[in-house]
Protein backbone atom coordinates (compact mmCIF):
# COMPACT_ATOMS: atom_id res chain seq x y z
CA UNK A 1 0.00 0.00 0.00
CA UNK A 2 1.33 3.42 -0.95
CA UNK A 3 2.09 5.74 1.95
CA UNK A 4 0.66 9.26 2.18
CA UNK A 5 1.24 11.96 4.74
CA UNK A 6 -1.98 12.60 6.69
CA UNK A 7 -3.38 15.54 8.67
CA UNK A 8 -6.70 15.13 10.45
CA UNK A 9 -8.92 18.17 9.85
CA UNK A 10 -11.51 17.31 12.51
CA UNK A 11 -10.91 15.14 15.56
CA UNK A 12 -12.50 15.59 18.98
CA UNK A 13 -11.45 15.95 22.58
CA UNK A 14 -13.58 14.75 25.47
CA UNK A 15 -14.15 17.59 27.91
CA UNK A 16 -13.27 17.23 31.58
CA UNK A 17 -15.69 19.57 33.36
CA UNK A 18 -13.86 19.53 36.68
CA UNK A 19 -10.69 20.71 34.93
CA UNK A 20 -12.40 23.29 32.73
CA UNK A 21 -14.19 25.10 35.57
CA UNK A 22 -10.81 25.71 37.20
CA UNK A 23 -10.35 28.34 34.47
CA UNK A 24 -13.89 29.77 34.62
CA UNK A 25 -15.64 32.54 36.47
CA UNK A 26 -19.19 33.85 36.49
CA UNK A 27 -20.18 37.36 37.50
CA UNK A 28 -16.71 37.99 38.85
CA UNK A 29 -16.75 34.85 41.01
CA UNK A 30 -14.36 31.95 40.42
CA UNK A 31 -16.06 28.68 39.45
CA UNK A 32 -13.29 26.47 40.87
CA UNK A 33 -14.77 23.36 42.41
CA UNK A 34 -18.18 23.96 40.82
CA UNK A 35 -18.13 20.82 38.64
CA UNK A 36 -18.41 17.26 39.82
CA UNK A 37 -22.01 17.49 41.00
CA UNK A 38 -25.13 16.34 39.15
CA UNK A 39 -25.14 19.18 36.61
CA UNK A 40 -22.99 19.56 33.49
CA UNK A 41 -21.44 22.87 32.52
CA UNK A 42 -22.73 22.24 28.95
CA UNK A 43 -26.29 22.12 27.59
CA UNK A 44 -27.67 18.75 26.50
CA UNK A 45 -27.17 18.13 22.80
CA UNK A 46 -30.74 16.91 22.33
CA UNK A 47 -31.52 13.94 24.58
CA UNK A 48 -30.05 11.18 22.41
CA UNK A 49 -27.43 8.85 23.89
CA UNK A 50 -24.12 9.50 22.14
CA UNK A 51 -21.33 7.21 23.32
CA UNK A 52 -17.75 8.08 22.42
CA UNK A 53 -15.05 5.44 22.12
CA UNK A 54 -14.05 4.22 25.54
CA UNK A 55 -10.44 4.30 24.40
CA UNK A 56 -10.26 8.05 25.03
CA UNK A 57 -10.45 8.86 28.72
CA UNK A 58 -12.03 12.17 29.69
CA UNK A 59 -9.77 15.13 29.16
CA UNK A 60 -6.53 13.22 28.64
CA UNK A 61 -4.34 13.33 25.51
CA UNK A 62 -2.61 9.95 25.88
CA UNK A 63 -5.18 8.02 23.86
CA UNK A 64 -4.96 10.61 21.10
CA UNK A 65 -1.19 10.28 21.04
CA UNK A 66 -1.55 6.52 20.74
CA UNK A 67 -4.11 6.94 17.96
CA UNK A 68 -1.75 9.19 15.99
CA UNK A 69 1.01 6.62 16.29
CA UNK A 70 -1.22 3.76 15.17
CA UNK A 71 -2.69 5.62 12.16
CA UNK A 72 0.34 7.61 11.04
CA UNK A 73 -1.59 10.88 11.30
CA UNK A 74 0.90 13.72 11.78
CA UNK A 75 -1.41 16.33 13.32
CA UNK A 76 -5.03 16.54 14.39
CA UNK A 77 -7.24 19.57 14.94
CA UNK A 78 -9.42 19.05 17.99
CA UNK A 79 -13.04 20.15 18.18
CA UNK A 80 -15.27 19.74 21.24
CA UNK A 81 -17.69 16.95 22.14
CA UNK A 82 -20.07 18.19 24.84
CA UNK A 83 -19.06 21.64 23.61
CA UNK A 84 -20.79 21.00 20.28
CA UNK A 85 -23.87 22.14 22.20
CA UNK A 86 -22.14 25.45 22.96
CA UNK A 87 -24.45 27.33 20.57
CA UNK A 88 -27.46 26.34 22.69
CA UNK A 89 -26.24 28.34 25.70
CA UNK A 90 -28.60 31.28 26.31
CA UNK A 91 -26.69 33.02 29.09
CA UNK A 92 -24.32 35.47 27.39
CA UNK A 93 -22.10 35.95 30.44
CA UNK A 94 -21.65 32.21 30.93
CA UNK A 95 -20.99 31.60 27.23
CA UNK A 96 -18.19 34.17 27.24
CA UNK A 97 -16.65 32.73 30.39
CA UNK A 98 -16.99 29.11 29.29
CA UNK A 99 -15.38 29.83 25.91
CA UNK A 100 -12.36 31.36 27.61
CA UNK A 101 -12.15 28.51 30.12
CA UNK A 102 -12.50 25.74 27.53
CA UNK A 103 -9.91 27.31 25.23
CA UNK A 104 -7.40 27.70 28.06
CA UNK A 105 -8.03 24.10 29.18
CA UNK A 106 -7.63 22.76 25.63
CA UNK A 107 -4.38 24.66 25.24
CA UNK A 108 -2.91 23.56 28.57
CA UNK A 109 -4.05 19.93 28.56
CA UNK A 110 -3.55 19.10 24.89
CA UNK A 111 -1.56 21.52 22.72
CA UNK A 112 1.10 22.38 25.30
CA UNK A 113 1.63 18.69 26.02
CA UNK A 114 1.95 17.65 22.38
CA UNK A 115 2.13 20.09 19.43
CA UNK A 116 0.55 17.44 17.18
CA UNK A 117 -2.70 18.07 19.08
CA UNK A 118 -4.01 21.41 17.82
CA UNK A 119 -7.07 23.02 19.36
CA UNK A 120 -9.78 25.02 17.58
CA UNK A 121 -11.36 27.68 19.80
CA UNK A 122 -14.92 28.06 20.99
CA UNK A 123 -16.22 31.57 20.28
CA UNK A 124 -19.04 33.20 22.33
CA UNK A 125 -21.34 33.99 19.41
CA UNK A 126 -24.01 35.54 21.66
CA UNK A 127 -21.63 38.48 22.08
CA UNK A 128 -19.88 39.31 18.81
CA UNK A 129 -17.37 41.79 20.33
CA UNK A 130 -16.44 39.14 22.89
CA UNK A 131 -16.17 36.57 20.09
CA UNK A 132 -13.80 38.90 18.24
CA UNK A 133 -11.68 39.34 21.36
CA UNK A 134 -11.63 35.59 22.05
CA UNK A 135 -10.65 34.76 18.48
CA UNK A 136 -7.81 37.25 18.77
CA UNK A 137 -6.67 35.73 22.09
CA UNK A 138 -6.94 32.18 20.79
CA UNK A 139 -4.83 32.93 17.73
CA UNK A 140 -2.24 35.33 19.15
CA UNK A 141 -1.84 33.93 22.68
CA UNK A 142 -2.90 30.28 22.51
CA UNK A 143 -1.59 29.50 19.03
CA UNK A 144 -4.89 28.21 17.70
CA UNK A 145 -5.72 28.45 13.98
CA UNK A 146 -9.24 29.83 14.43
CA UNK A 147 -12.63 29.13 15.92
CA UNK A 148 -15.76 26.99 15.81
CA UNK A 149 -19.10 28.35 14.64
CA UNK A 150 -21.73 25.98 16.08
CA UNK A 151 -24.27 25.18 13.39
CA UNK A 152 -27.11 24.84 15.92
CA UNK A 153 -27.69 28.02 17.91
CA UNK A 154 -30.27 29.99 19.88
CA UNK A 155 -29.47 33.19 17.99
CA UNK A 156 -32.60 33.54 15.88
CA UNK A 157 -30.36 34.44 12.93
CA UNK A 158 -27.75 32.70 10.79
CA UNK A 159 -24.11 33.50 10.13
CA UNK A 160 -24.80 35.49 6.97
CA UNK A 161 -26.25 38.27 9.15
CA UNK A 162 -24.42 41.57 9.07
CA UNK A 163 -24.02 41.41 12.85
CA UNK A 164 -21.16 38.94 12.33
CA UNK A 165 -19.16 41.28 10.10
CA UNK A 166 -16.72 42.24 12.90
CA UNK A 167 -15.89 38.58 13.51
CA UNK A 168 -15.22 37.94 9.83
CA UNK A 169 -13.17 41.10 9.57
CA UNK A 170 -11.02 39.96 12.49
CA UNK A 171 -10.66 36.44 11.06
CA UNK A 172 -9.40 37.95 7.81
CA UNK A 173 -7.00 40.24 9.64
CA UNK A 174 -5.59 37.34 11.67
CA UNK A 175 -5.62 34.95 8.69
CA UNK A 176 -7.66 32.68 10.97
CA UNK A 177 -10.10 29.96 9.97
CA UNK A 178 -13.72 29.48 11.00
CA UNK A 179 -15.41 26.08 10.97
CA UNK A 180 -19.14 25.36 10.99
CA UNK A 181 -19.81 22.16 12.94
CA UNK A 182 -23.12 20.56 13.84
CA UNK A 183 -24.32 17.92 16.33
CA UNK A 184 -27.55 18.92 18.15
CA UNK A 185 -30.69 17.77 16.34
CA UNK A 186 -33.36 19.52 18.40
CA UNK A 187 -35.41 22.15 16.60
CA UNK A 188 -34.77 21.11 13.00
CA UNK A 189 -38.15 19.51 12.37
CA UNK A 190 -37.54 15.87 13.24
CA UNK A 191 -37.78 15.81 17.03
CA UNK A 192 -40.48 13.15 16.66
CA UNK A 193 -37.97 10.54 15.41
CA UNK A 194 -37.91 7.46 17.59
CA UNK A 195 -34.38 6.20 16.92
CA UNK A 196 -30.98 7.86 17.01
CA UNK A 197 -30.00 6.65 13.54
CA UNK A 198 -32.75 8.78 11.97
CA UNK A 199 -31.77 11.90 13.89
CA UNK A 200 -28.05 11.38 13.31
CA UNK A 201 -28.54 10.98 9.55
CA UNK A 202 -30.00 14.49 9.27
CA UNK A 203 -28.71 16.52 12.20
CA UNK A 204 -25.32 17.51 10.81
CA UNK A 205 -26.34 18.27 7.20
CA UNK A 206 -29.54 20.13 8.12
CA UNK A 207 -27.81 22.47 10.53
CA UNK A 208 -24.78 22.99 8.31
CA UNK A 209 -26.87 23.65 5.17
CA UNK A 210 -28.84 26.35 6.97
CA UNK A 211 -25.64 28.23 7.81
CA UNK A 212 -24.13 27.50 4.39
CA UNK A 213 -27.18 28.87 2.58
CA UNK A 214 -27.20 32.02 4.67
CA UNK A 215 -23.49 32.71 4.25
CA UNK A 216 -23.63 32.30 0.46
CA UNK A 217 -26.83 34.25 -0.26
CA UNK A 218 -26.00 36.99 2.24
CA UNK A 219 -22.69 37.56 0.51
CA UNK A 220 -20.26 36.77 3.32
CA UNK A 221 -17.57 35.69 0.87
CA UNK A 222 -18.14 38.75 -1.32
CA UNK A 223 -17.72 41.07 1.64
CA UNK A 224 -14.78 39.10 3.04
CA UNK A 225 -12.92 37.63 0.07
CA UNK A 226 -10.00 36.31 2.17
CA UNK A 227 -12.16 34.50 4.73
CA UNK A 228 -11.67 30.71 4.96
CA UNK A 229 -14.56 28.63 6.30
CA UNK A 230 -14.91 24.85 6.62
CA UNK A 231 -18.19 22.94 6.72
CA UNK A 232 -17.57 19.80 8.72
CA UNK A 233 -18.89 16.32 9.37
CA UNK A 234 -21.68 15.90 6.85
CA UNK A 235 -19.72 14.64 3.87
CA UNK A 236 -19.33 16.48 0.58
CA UNK A 237 -21.89 14.78 -1.68
CA UNK A 238 -24.45 17.49 -0.96
CA UNK A 239 -22.30 20.26 -2.46
CA UNK A 240 -23.10 19.68 -6.19
CA UNK A 241 -26.81 19.52 -5.37
CA UNK A 242 -26.61 22.83 -3.55
CA UNK A 243 -24.59 24.41 -6.35
CA UNK A 244 -27.36 23.63 -8.85
CA UNK A 245 -30.18 24.44 -6.44
CA UNK A 246 -28.73 27.78 -5.38
CA UNK A 247 -27.78 28.82 -8.91
CA UNK A 248 -31.35 28.24 -10.07
CA UNK A 249 -32.78 30.23 -7.16
CA UNK A 250 -30.28 33.03 -7.69
CA UNK A 251 -31.06 33.31 -11.40
CA UNK A 252 -34.76 33.69 -10.64
CA UNK A 253 -34.76 35.71 -7.43
CA UNK A 254 -31.24 36.86 -6.64
CA UNK A 255 -31.60 40.46 -7.83
CA UNK A 256 -34.29 41.06 -5.23
CA UNK A 257 -33.12 38.98 -2.28
CA UNK A 258 -29.31 38.89 -2.48
CA UNK A 259 -28.02 42.49 -2.51
CA UNK A 260 -24.46 41.52 -1.52
CA UNK A 261 -24.04 38.52 -3.83
CA UNK A 262 -22.38 39.47 -7.13
CA UNK A 263 -21.49 36.01 -8.48
CA UNK A 264 -23.37 32.81 -9.09
CA UNK A 265 -23.44 30.75 -5.90
CA UNK A 266 -21.59 27.90 -7.61
CA UNK A 267 -18.79 30.33 -8.48
CA UNK A 268 -18.53 31.39 -4.85
CA UNK A 269 -18.49 27.76 -3.72
CA UNK A 270 -15.67 26.98 -6.15
CA UNK A 271 -13.83 30.20 -5.34
CA UNK A 272 -11.35 28.73 -2.85
CA UNK A 273 -12.74 30.13 0.41
CA UNK A 274 -14.94 27.17 1.32
CA UNK A 275 -13.62 23.80 2.47
CA UNK A 276 -15.47 20.56 3.10
CA UNK A 277 -14.62 17.39 5.00
CA UNK A 278 -15.44 14.18 3.16
CA UNK A 279 -16.20 10.66 4.28
CA UNK A 280 -13.59 8.16 3.11
CA UNK A 281 -16.23 5.83 1.61
CA UNK A 282 -18.32 8.44 -0.28
CA UNK A 283 -19.07 6.88 -3.67
CA UNK A 284 -19.89 10.24 -5.27
CA UNK A 285 -16.49 11.75 -4.42
CA UNK A 286 -15.09 11.53 -8.00
CA UNK A 287 -18.20 13.30 -9.31
CA UNK A 288 -17.96 15.97 -6.60
CA UNK A 289 -14.35 16.59 -7.56
CA UNK A 290 -15.37 17.11 -11.20
CA UNK A 291 -17.80 19.89 -10.22
CA UNK A 292 -16.18 21.38 -7.13
CA UNK A 293 -12.50 20.75 -7.78
CA UNK A 294 -9.90 18.82 -5.84
CA UNK A 295 -8.36 21.59 -3.74
CA UNK A 296 -10.98 22.21 -1.06
CA UNK A 297 -11.90 18.75 0.22
CA UNK A 298 -10.11 17.12 3.13
CA UNK A 299 -9.99 14.12 5.44
CA UNK A 300 -11.42 14.18 8.96
CA UNK A 301 -11.20 11.26 11.39
CA UNK A 302 -14.01 12.25 13.81
CA UNK A 303 -12.16 10.16 16.40
CA UNK A 304 -13.32 9.10 19.02
CA UNK A 305 -17.03 9.59 18.30
CA UNK A 306 -19.60 6.80 18.19
CA UNK A 307 -17.30 3.97 17.07
CA UNK A 308 -14.89 1.70 18.86
CA UNK A 309 -11.25 2.60 18.43
CA UNK A 310 -10.34 -0.34 16.17
CA UNK A 311 -13.04 0.69 13.68
CA UNK A 312 -11.21 3.96 12.94
CA UNK A 313 -7.93 2.24 12.06
CA UNK A 314 -9.09 0.99 8.65
CA UNK A 315 -10.35 4.38 7.37
CA UNK A 316 -7.10 5.67 5.87
CA UNK A 317 -5.97 2.32 4.36
CA UNK A 318 -9.36 1.84 2.73
CA UNK A 319 -9.25 5.36 1.30
CA UNK A 320 -5.73 4.85 -0.04
CA UNK A 321 -6.84 1.65 -1.78
CA UNK A 322 -9.64 3.38 -3.71
CA UNK A 323 -9.18 2.84 -7.45
CA UNK A 324 -11.48 5.69 -8.54
CA UNK A 325 -9.20 8.45 -7.20
CA UNK A 326 -5.73 9.39 -8.41
CA UNK A 327 -2.75 9.49 -6.08
CA UNK A 328 -2.63 13.25 -6.64
CA UNK A 329 -6.20 13.63 -5.36
CA UNK A 330 -5.56 11.32 -2.41
CA UNK A 331 -2.51 13.34 -1.42
CA UNK A 332 -4.51 16.55 -1.55
CA UNK A 333 -7.43 15.19 0.49
CA UNK A 334 -5.25 13.51 3.12
CA UNK A 335 -2.63 16.23 3.45
CA UNK A 336 -2.22 19.21 1.13
CA UNK A 337 -5.71 20.72 1.42
CA UNK A 338 -5.78 20.44 5.21
CA UNK A 339 -2.32 21.93 5.35
CA UNK A 340 -3.43 24.90 3.25
CA UNK A 341 -6.67 25.51 5.14
CA UNK A 342 -5.01 25.61 8.55
CA UNK A 343 -1.92 27.42 7.21
CA UNK A 344 0.48 24.70 8.31
CA UNK A 345 2.63 25.54 5.28
Foldseek 3Di string as FASTA:
>chain_A
DDDFAFEAEEAAAAADQQQLQQQFDFPPHRCHPVDDDPDGLADDLAPDDWDWAPQHPHLACPSVVVLCVLQVHQAYEYDYDSCLRLQADPDLRSSLRSQRSVLVSCLVRPCVVPVSYAYAGAASVVDLVSSLVSQCCCCPPSVHQYHEDRLDHPNVDAPLDPVNVSNLVSCLVSVGAYEYFYDRQPPQPPSVDDDPVVSVLVGLVSSLVVNVVSNLLSQVCLVRVSYAYEREDNAQPCPVVCLVVQQVCCVVCSVPRRPNHDDRSLCSQLVPRYAYEHFLPDPCVVVSCVSNNLQRYAHHQHPGIDDHSVVSNCRLVVSVPDPSDDPVSNNNHRPVNSCVSSVVD
